[in-house]
Amino acid sequence: MHHTPLAFIGSLGGQEIVVIFLIVLLLFGAKKLPELARGIGKSMGEFKKAREDFEKEITRAETDVQIKDAPGKEPKES
């Protein structure tokens, strides 16, 4: 189950996106926009990695519990 990070943009119309862009442009200025976009991109990448690591840990824990609950089986040490 994958969610796109900016799925909420689908509910915004073209005019809303233009207004938001203009507000961001006024707040940060044209010279800061590339730097701001890079920072947001890095943050999103780190968030995605953390989410994937968390999902892997949950899956591993579920597997360990299933193995532990199986008769005559011991979980593997990794």
PDB file of N, CA and C in Angstrom:
ATOM      1  N   MET A   1       0.841  -1.165   0.000  1.00  0.00           N
ATOM      2  CA  MET A   1       0.000   0.000   0.000  1.00  0.00           C
ATOM      3  C   MET A   1       0.890   1.232   0.000  1.00  0.00           C
ATOM      4  N   HIS A   2       1.014   1.869  -1.138  1.00  0.00           N
ATOM      5  CA  HIS A   2       1.855   3.052  -1.266  1.00  0.00           C
ATOM      6  C   HIS A   2       0.982   4.282  -1.414  1.00  0.00           C
ATOM      7  N   HIS A   3       1.371   5.323  -0.706  1.00  0.00           N
ATOM      8  CA  HIS A   3       0.680   6.602  -0.815  1.00  0.00           C
ATOM      9  C   HIS A   3       1.658   7.599  -1.413  1.00  0.00           C
ATOM     10  N   THR A   4       1.155   8.444  -2.300  1.00  0.00           N
ATOM     11  CA  THR A   4       2.019   9.479  -2.825  1.00  0.00           C
ATOM     12  C   THR A   4       2.140  10.572  -1.780  1.00  0.00           C
ATOM     13  N   PRO A   5       3.339  11.093  -1.555  1.00  0.00           N
ATOM     14  CA  PRO A   5       3.549  12.090  -0.502  1.00  0.00           C
ATOM     15  C   PRO A   5       2.690  13.337  -0.666  1.00  0.00           C
ATOM     16  N   LEU A   6       2.382  13.707  -1.885  1.00  0.00           N
ATOM     17  CA  LEU A   6       1.617  14.924  -2.112  1.00  0.00           C
ATOM     18  C   LEU A   6       0.244  14.611  -2.703  1.00  0.00           C
ATOM     19  N   ALA A   7      -0.393  13.566  -2.196  1.00  0.00           N
ATOM     20  CA  ALA A   7      -1.684  13.138  -2.730  1.00  0.00           C
ATOM     21  C   ALA A   7      -2.747  14.218  -2.574  1.00  0.00           C
ATOM     22  N   PHE A   8      -2.622  15.061  -1.545  1.00  0.00           N
ATOM     23  CA  PHE A   8      -3.625  16.099  -1.316  1.00  0.00           C
ATOM     24  C   PHE A   8      -3.662  17.130  -2.434  1.00  0.00           C
ATOM     25  N   ILE A   9      -2.612  17.239  -3.240  1.00  0.00           N
ATOM     26  CA  ILE A   9      -2.581  18.218  -4.330  1.00  0.00           C
ATOM     27  C   ILE A   9      -3.635  17.860  -5.383  1.00  0.00           C
ATOM     28  N   GLY A  10      -3.979  16.604  -5.503  1.00  0.00           N
ATOM     29  CA  GLY A  10      -4.991  16.190  -6.461  1.00  0.00           C
ATOM     30  C   GLY A  10      -6.332  16.861  -6.216  1.00  0.00           C
ATOM     31  N   SER A  11      -6.606  17.231  -4.963  1.00  0.00           N
ATOM     32  CA  SER A  11      -7.882  17.867  -4.645  1.00  0.00           C
ATOM     33  C   SER A  11      -7.830  19.378  -4.855  1.00  0.00           C
ATOM     34  N   LEU A  12      -6.659  19.922  -5.135  1.00  0.00           N
ATOM     35  CA  LEU A  12      -6.520  21.359  -5.374  1.00  0.00           C
ATOM     36  C   LEU A  12      -6.680  21.651  -6.863  1.00  0.00           C
ATOM     37  N   GLY A  13      -7.342  22.760  -7.164  1.00  0.00           N
ATOM     38  CA  GLY A  13      -7.482  23.183  -8.553  1.00  0.00           C
ATOM     39  C   GLY A  13      -6.277  23.999  -8.980  1.00  0.00           C
ATOM     40  N   GLY A  14      -6.234  24.340 -10.250  1.00  0.00           N
ATOM     41  CA  GLY A  14      -5.117  25.117 -10.789  1.00  0.00           C
ATOM     42  C   GLY A  14      -4.985  26.481 -10.135  1.00  0.00           C
ATOM     43  N   GLN A  15      -6.106  27.143  -9.874  1.00  0.00           N
ATOM     44  CA  GLN A  15      -6.052  28.472  -9.262  1.00  0.00           C
ATOM     45  C   GLN A  15      -5.488  28.414  -7.847  1.00  0.00           C
ATOM     46  N   GLU A  16      -5.878  27.410  -7.087  1.00  0.00           N
ATOM     47  CA  GLU A  16      -5.371  27.274  -5.723  1.00  0.00           C
ATOM     48  C   GLU A  16      -3.862  27.056  -5.709  1.00  0.00           C
ATOM     49  N   ILE A  17      -3.383  26.224  -6.629  1.00  0.00           N
ATOM     50  CA  ILE A  17      -1.946  25.957  -6.695  1.00  0.00           C
ATOM     51  C   ILE A  17      -1.186  27.224  -7.066  1.00  0.00           C
ATOM     52  N   VAL A  18      -1.712  28.014  -7.988  1.00  0.00           N
ATOM     53  CA  VAL A  18      -1.072  29.272  -8.380  1.00  0.00           C
ATOM     54  C   VAL A  18      -1.025  30.233  -7.196  1.00  0.00           C
ATOM     55  N   VAL A  19      -2.115  30.336  -6.452  1.00  0.00           N
ATOM     56  CA  VAL A  19      -2.154  31.233  -5.286  1.00  0.00           C
ATOM     57  C   VAL A  19      -1.134  30.782  -4.241  1.00  0.00           C
ATOM     58  N   ILE A  20      -1.072  29.491  -3.965  1.00  0.00           N
ATOM     59  CA  ILE A  20      -0.100  28.980  -3.003  1.00  0.00           C
ATOM     60  C   ILE A  20       1.322  29.273  -3.473  1.00  0.00           C
ATOM     61  N   PHE A  21       1.593  29.046  -4.751  1.00  0.00           N
ATOM     62  CA  PHE A  21       2.923  29.321  -5.296  1.00  0.00           C
ATOM     63  C   PHE A  21       3.277  30.799  -5.144  1.00  0.00           C
ATOM     64  N   LEU A  22       2.334  31.688  -5.425  1.00  0.00           N
ATOM     65  CA  LEU A  22       2.595  33.125  -5.294  1.00  0.00           C
ATOM     66  C   LEU A  22       2.859  33.514  -3.846  1.00  0.00           C
ATOM     67  N   ILE A  23       2.128  32.941  -2.918  1.00  0.00           N
ATOM     68  CA  ILE A  23       2.366  33.226  -1.496  1.00  0.00           C
ATOM     69  C   ILE A  23       3.755  32.764  -1.090  1.00  0.00           C
ATOM     70  N   VAL A  24       4.139  31.555  -1.502  1.00  0.00           N
ATOM     71  CA  VAL A  24       5.480  31.039  -1.189  1.00  0.00           C
ATOM     72  C   VAL A  24       6.540  31.936  -1.824  1.00  0.00           C
ATOM     73  N   LEU A  25       6.309  32.365  -3.057  1.00  0.00           N
ATOM     74  CA  LEU A  25       7.250  33.253  -3.747  1.00  0.00           C
ATOM     75  C   LEU A  25       7.413  34.569  -2.986  1.00  0.00           C
ATOM     76  N   LEU A  26       6.314  35.127  -2.501  1.00  0.00           N
ATOM     77  CA  LEU A  26       6.374  36.376  -1.741  1.00  0.00           C
ATOM     78  C   LEU A  26       7.076  36.192  -0.404  1.00  0.00           C
ATOM     79  N   LEU A  27       6.825  35.065   0.251  1.00  0.00           N
ATOM     80  CA  LEU A  27       7.421  34.824   1.567  1.00  0.00           C
ATOM     81  C   LEU A  27       8.923  34.563   1.491  1.00  0.00           C
ATOM     82  N   PHE A  28       9.343  33.785   0.505  1.00  0.00           N
ATOM     83  CA  PHE A  28      10.731  33.343   0.462  1.00  0.00           C
ATOM     84  C   PHE A  28      11.572  34.027  -0.604  1.00  0.00           C
ATOM     85  N   GLY A  29      10.963  34.593  -1.605  1.00  0.00           N
ATOM     86  CA  GLY A  29      11.714  35.231  -2.676  1.00  0.00           C
ATOM     87  C   GLY A  29      12.181  34.223  -3.706  1.00  0.00           C
ATOM     88  N   ALA A  30      12.408  34.698  -4.914  1.00  0.00           N
ATOM     89  CA  ALA A  30      12.769  33.816  -6.028  1.00  0.00           C
ATOM     90  C   ALA A  30      14.125  33.141  -5.814  1.00  0.00           C
ATOM     91  N   LYS A  31      15.058  33.808  -5.140  1.00  0.00           N
ATOM     92  CA  LYS A  31      16.392  33.228  -4.954  1.00  0.00           C
ATOM     93  C   LYS A  31      16.378  32.079  -3.953  1.00  0.00           C
ATOM     94  N   LYS A  32      15.442  32.089  -3.020  1.00  0.00           N
ATOM     95  CA  LYS A  32      15.390  31.047  -1.986  1.00  0.00           C
ATOM     96  C   LYS A  32      14.573  29.823  -2.406  1.00  0.00           C
ATOM     97  N   LEU A  33      13.773  29.928  -3.469  1.00  0.00           N
ATOM     98  CA  LEU A  33      12.906  28.807  -3.860  1.00  0.00           C
ATOM     99  C   LEU A  33      13.654  27.514  -4.172  1.00  0.00           C
ATOM    100  N   PRO A  34      14.750  27.546  -4.957  1.00  0.00           N
ATOM    101  CA  PRO A  34      15.459  26.279  -5.216  1.00  0.00           C
ATOM    102  C   PRO A  34      16.003  25.645  -3.929  1.00  0.00           C
ATOM    103  N   GLU A  35      16.517  26.486  -3.036  1.00  0.00           N
ATOM    104  CA  GLU A  35      17.038  25.985  -1.766  1.00  0.00           C
ATOM    105  C   GLU A  35      15.904  25.388  -0.923  1.00  0.00           C
ATOM    106  N   LEU A  36      14.765  26.055  -0.905  1.00  0.00           N
ATOM    107  CA  LEU A  36      13.603  25.568  -0.174  1.00  0.00           C
ATOM    108  C   LEU A  36      13.125  24.238  -0.756  1.00  0.00           C
ATOM    109  N   ALA A  37      13.063  24.151  -2.078  1.00  0.00           N
ATOM    110  CA  ALA A  37      12.620  22.919  -2.737  1.00  0.00           C
ATOM    111  C   ALA A  37      13.575  21.761  -2.441  1.00  0.00           C
ATOM    112  N   ARG A  38      14.880  22.039  -2.437  1.00  0.00           N
ATOM    113  CA  ARG A  38      15.867  21.008  -2.095  1.00  0.00           C
ATOM    114  C   ARG A  38      15.660  20.520  -0.669  1.00  0.00           C
ATOM    115  N   GLY A  39      15.460  21.438   0.245  1.00  0.00           N
ATOM    116  CA  GLY A  39      15.242  21.071   1.644  1.00  0.00           C
ATOM    117  C   GLY A  39      13.997  20.226   1.826  1.00  0.00           C
ATOM    118  N   ILE A  40      12.921  20.595   1.137  1.00  0.00           N
ATOM    119  CA  ILE A  40      11.687  19.817   1.214  1.00  0.00           C
ATOM    120  C   ILE A  40      11.902  18.433   0.619  1.00  0.00           C
ATOM    121  N   GLY A  41      12.602  18.367  -0.501  1.00  0.00           N
ATOM    122  CA  GLY A  41      12.883  17.073  -1.135  1.00  0.00           C
ATOM    123  C   GLY A  41      13.700  16.161  -0.233  1.00  0.00           C
ATOM    124  N   LYS A  42      14.734  16.705   0.394  1.00  0.00           N
ATOM    125  CA  LYS A  42      15.558  15.907   1.315  1.00  0.00           C
ATOM    126  C   LYS A  42      14.721  15.431   2.497  1.00  0.00           C
ATOM    127  N   SER A  43      13.900  16.313   3.035  1.00  0.00           N
ATOM    128  CA  SER A  43      13.051  15.943   4.174  1.00  0.00           C
ATOM    129  C   SER A  43      12.087  14.825   3.804  1.00  0.00           C
ATOM    130  N   MET A  44      11.496  14.936   2.616  1.00  0.00           N
ATOM    131  CA  MET A  44      10.567  13.900   2.170  1.00  0.00           C
ATOM    132  C   MET A  44      11.293  12.573   1.976  1.00  0.00           C
ATOM    133  N   GLY A  45      12.507  12.620   1.442  1.00  0.00           N
ATOM    134  CA  GLY A  45      13.291  11.405   1.260  1.00  0.00           C
ATOM    135  C   GLY A  45      13.636  10.751   2.589  1.00  0.00           C
ATOM    136  N   GLU A  46      14.022  11.561   3.573  1.00  0.00           N
ATOM    137  CA  GLU A  46      14.343  11.023   4.896  1.00  0.00           C
ATOM    138  C   GLU A  46      13.102  10.443   5.559  1.00  0.00           C
ATOM    139  N   PHE A  47      11.964  11.114   5.395  1.00  0.00           N
ATOM    140  CA  PHE A  47      10.718  10.619   5.973  1.00  0.00           C
ATOM    141  C   PHE A  47      10.342   9.279   5.348  1.00  0.00           C
ATOM    142  N   LYS A  48      10.486   9.179   4.021  1.00  0.00           N
ATOM    143  CA  LYS A  48      10.152   7.939   3.323  1.00  0.00           C
ATOM    144  C   LYS A  48      11.057   6.800   3.804  1.00  0.00           C
ATOM    145  N   LYS A  49      12.351   7.076   3.963  1.00  0.00           N
ATOM    146  CA  LYS A  49      13.286   6.052   4.423  1.00  0.00           C
ATOM    147  C   LYS A  49      12.926   5.607   5.836  1.00  0.00           C
ATOM    148  N   ALA A  50      12.620   6.564   6.709  1.00  0.00           N
ATOM    149  CA  ALA A  50      12.247   6.222   8.086  1.00  0.00           C
ATOM    150  C   ALA A  50      10.971   5.379   8.107  1.00  0.00           C
ATOM    151  N   ARG A  51       9.993   5.739   7.253  1.00  0.00           N
ATOM    152  CA  ARG A  51       8.742   4.977   7.194  1.00  0.00           C
ATOM    153  C   ARG A  51       9.012   3.554   6.722  1.00  0.00           C
ATOM    154  N   GLU A  52       9.870   3.397   5.698  1.00  0.00           N
ATOM    155  CA  GLU A  52      10.188   2.062   5.186  1.00  0.00           C
ATOM    156  C   GLU A  52      10.914   1.235   6.236  1.00  0.00           C
ATOM    157  N   ASP A  53      11.848   1.864   6.969  1.00  0.00           N
ATOM    158  CA  ASP A  53      12.551   1.157   8.039  1.00  0.00           C
ATOM    159  C   ASP A  53      11.576   0.706   9.123  1.00  0.00           C
ATOM    160  N   PHE A  54      10.631   1.567   9.471  1.00  0.00           N
ATOM    161  CA  PHE A  54       9.636   1.241  10.481  1.00  0.00           C
ATOM    162  C   PHE A  54       8.772   0.070  10.012  1.00  0.00           C
ATOM    163  N   GLU A  55       8.339   0.104   8.743  1.00  0.00           N
ATOM    164  CA  GLU A  55       7.524  -0.984   8.205  1.00  0.00           C
ATOM    165  C   GLU A  55       8.299  -2.301   8.203  1.00  0.00           C
ATOM    166  N   LYS A  56       9.592  -2.255   7.864  1.00  0.00           N
ATOM    167  CA  LYS A  56      10.419  -3.470   7.885  1.00  0.00           C
ATOM    168  C   LYS A  56      10.521  -4.021   9.304  1.00  0.00           C
ATOM    169  N   GLU A  57      10.693  -3.138  10.284  1.00  0.00           N
ATOM    170  CA  GLU A  57      10.817  -3.559  11.685  1.00  0.00           C
ATOM    171  C   GLU A  57       9.511  -4.201  12.164  1.00  0.00           C
ATOM    172  N   ILE A  58       8.374  -3.619  11.794  1.00  0.00           N
ATOM    173  CA  ILE A  58       7.078  -4.191  12.171  1.00  0.00           C
ATOM    174  C   ILE A  58       6.909  -5.572  11.532  1.00  0.00           C
ATOM    175  N   THR A  59       7.262  -5.698  10.267  1.00  0.00           N
ATOM    176  CA  THR A  59       7.153  -6.985   9.571  1.00  0.00           C
ATOM    177  C   THR A  59       8.058  -8.023  10.222  1.00  0.00           C
ATOM    178  N   ARG A  60       9.278  -7.611  10.573  1.00  0.00           N
ATOM    179  CA  ARG A  60      10.213  -8.536  11.228  1.00  0.00           C
ATOM    180  C   ARG A  60       9.675  -8.974  12.585  1.00  0.00           C
ATOM    181  N   ALA A  61       9.108  -8.046  13.339  1.00  0.00           N
ATOM    182  CA  ALA A  61       8.550  -8.374  14.649  1.00  0.00           C
ATOM    183  C   ALA A  61       7.369  -9.334  14.507  1.00  0.00           C
ATOM    184  N   GLU A  62       6.516  -9.110  13.506  1.00  0.00           N
ATOM    185  CA  GLU A  62       5.390 -10.020  13.271  1.00  0.00           C
ATOM    186  C   GLU A  62       5.890 -11.416  12.932  1.00  0.00           C
ATOM    187  N   THR A  63       6.916 -11.501  12.101  1.00  0.00           N
ATOM    188  CA  THR A  63       7.487 -12.792  11.720  1.00  0.00           C
ATOM    189  C   THR A  63       8.063 -13.496  12.945  1.00  0.00           C
ATOM    190  N   ASP A  64       8.786 -12.746  13.786  1.00  0.00           N
ATOM    191  CA  ASP A  64       9.353 -13.334  14.998  1.00  0.00           C
ATOM    192  C   ASP A  64       8.262 -13.877  15.915  1.00  0.00           C
ATOM    193  N   VAL A  65       7.162 -13.152  16.045  1.00  0.00           N
ATOM    194  CA  VAL A  65       6.052 -13.610  16.895  1.00  0.00           C
ATOM    195  C   VAL A  65       5.431 -14.863  16.306  1.00  0.00           C
ATOM    196  N   GLN A  66       5.243 -14.909  14.983  1.00  0.00           N
ATOM    197  CA  GLN A  66       4.666 -16.089  14.340  1.00  0.00           C
ATOM    198  C   GLN A  66       5.567 -17.301  14.528  1.00  0.00           C
ATOM    199  N   ILE A  67       6.873 -17.108  14.402  1.00  0.00           N
ATOM    200  CA  ILE A  67       7.828 -18.211  14.568  1.00  0.00           C
ATOM    201  C   ILE A  67       7.824 -18.669  16.026  1.00  0.00           C
ATOM    202  N   LYS A  68       7.782 -17.723  16.951  1.00  0.00           N
ATOM    203  CA  LYS A  68       7.797 -18.045  18.380  1.00  0.00           C
ATOM    204  C   LYS A  68       6.537 -18.820  18.765  1.00  0.00           C
ATOM    205  N   ASP A  69       5.402 -18.451  18.164  1.00  0.00           N
ATOM    206  CA  ASP A  69       4.143 -19.112  18.486  1.00  0.00           C
ATOM    207  C   ASP A  69       4.025 -20.488  17.837  1.00  0.00           C
ATOM    208  N   ALA A  70       4.835 -20.764  16.812  1.00  0.00           N
ATOM    209  CA  ALA A  70       4.796 -22.066  16.156  1.00  0.00           C
ATOM    210  C   ALA A  70       5.418 -23.107  17.086  1.00  0.00           C
ATOM    211  N   PRO A  71       4.773 -24.252  17.240  1.00  0.00           N
ATOM    212  CA  PRO A  71       5.309 -25.274  18.151  1.00  0.00           C
ATOM    213  C   PRO A  71       6.659 -25.812  17.680  1.00  0.00           C
ATOM    214  N   GLY A  72       7.617 -25.893  18.609  1.00  0.00           N
ATOM    215  CA  GLY A  72       8.917 -26.470  18.317  1.00  0.00           C
ATOM    216  C   GLY A  72       9.848 -25.596  17.507  1.00  0.00           C
ATOM    217  N   LYS A  73       9.524 -24.322  17.342  1.00  0.00           N
ATOM    218  CA  LYS A  73      10.381 -23.430  16.541  1.00  0.00           C
ATOM    219  C   LYS A  73      10.877 -22.290  17.434  1.00  0.00           C
ATOM    220  N   GLU A  74      12.089 -21.895  17.220  1.00  0.00           N
ATOM    221  CA  GLU A  74      12.691 -20.762  17.914  1.00  0.00           C
ATOM    222  C   GLU A  74      13.026 -19.692  16.895  1.00  0.00           C
ATOM    223  N   PRO A  75      12.850 -18.405  17.235  1.00  0.00           N
ATOM    224  CA  PRO A  75      13.213 -17.343  16.286  1.00  0.00           C
ATOM    225  C   PRO A  75      14.705 -17.308  16.039  1.00  0.00           C
ATOM    226  N   LYS A  76      15.084 -16.996  14.809  1.00  0.00           N
ATOM    227  CA  LYS A  76      16.494 -16.886  14.439  1.00  0.00           C
ATOM    228  C   LYS A  76      17.059 -15.583  14.965  1.00  0.00           C
ATOM    229  N   GLU A  77      18.291 -15.622  15.421  1.00  0.00           N
ATOM    230  CA  GLU A  77      18.994 -14.395  15.836  1.00  0.00           C
ATOM    231  C   GLU A  77      19.607 -13.777  14.604  1.00  0.00           C
ATOM    232  N   SER A  78      19.400 -12.440  14.429  1.00  0.00           N
ATOM    233  CA  SER A  78      19.998 -11.787  13.269  1.00  0.00           C
ATOM    234  C   SER A  78      20.847 -10.640  13.664  1.00  0.00           C
TER     235      SER A  78
END
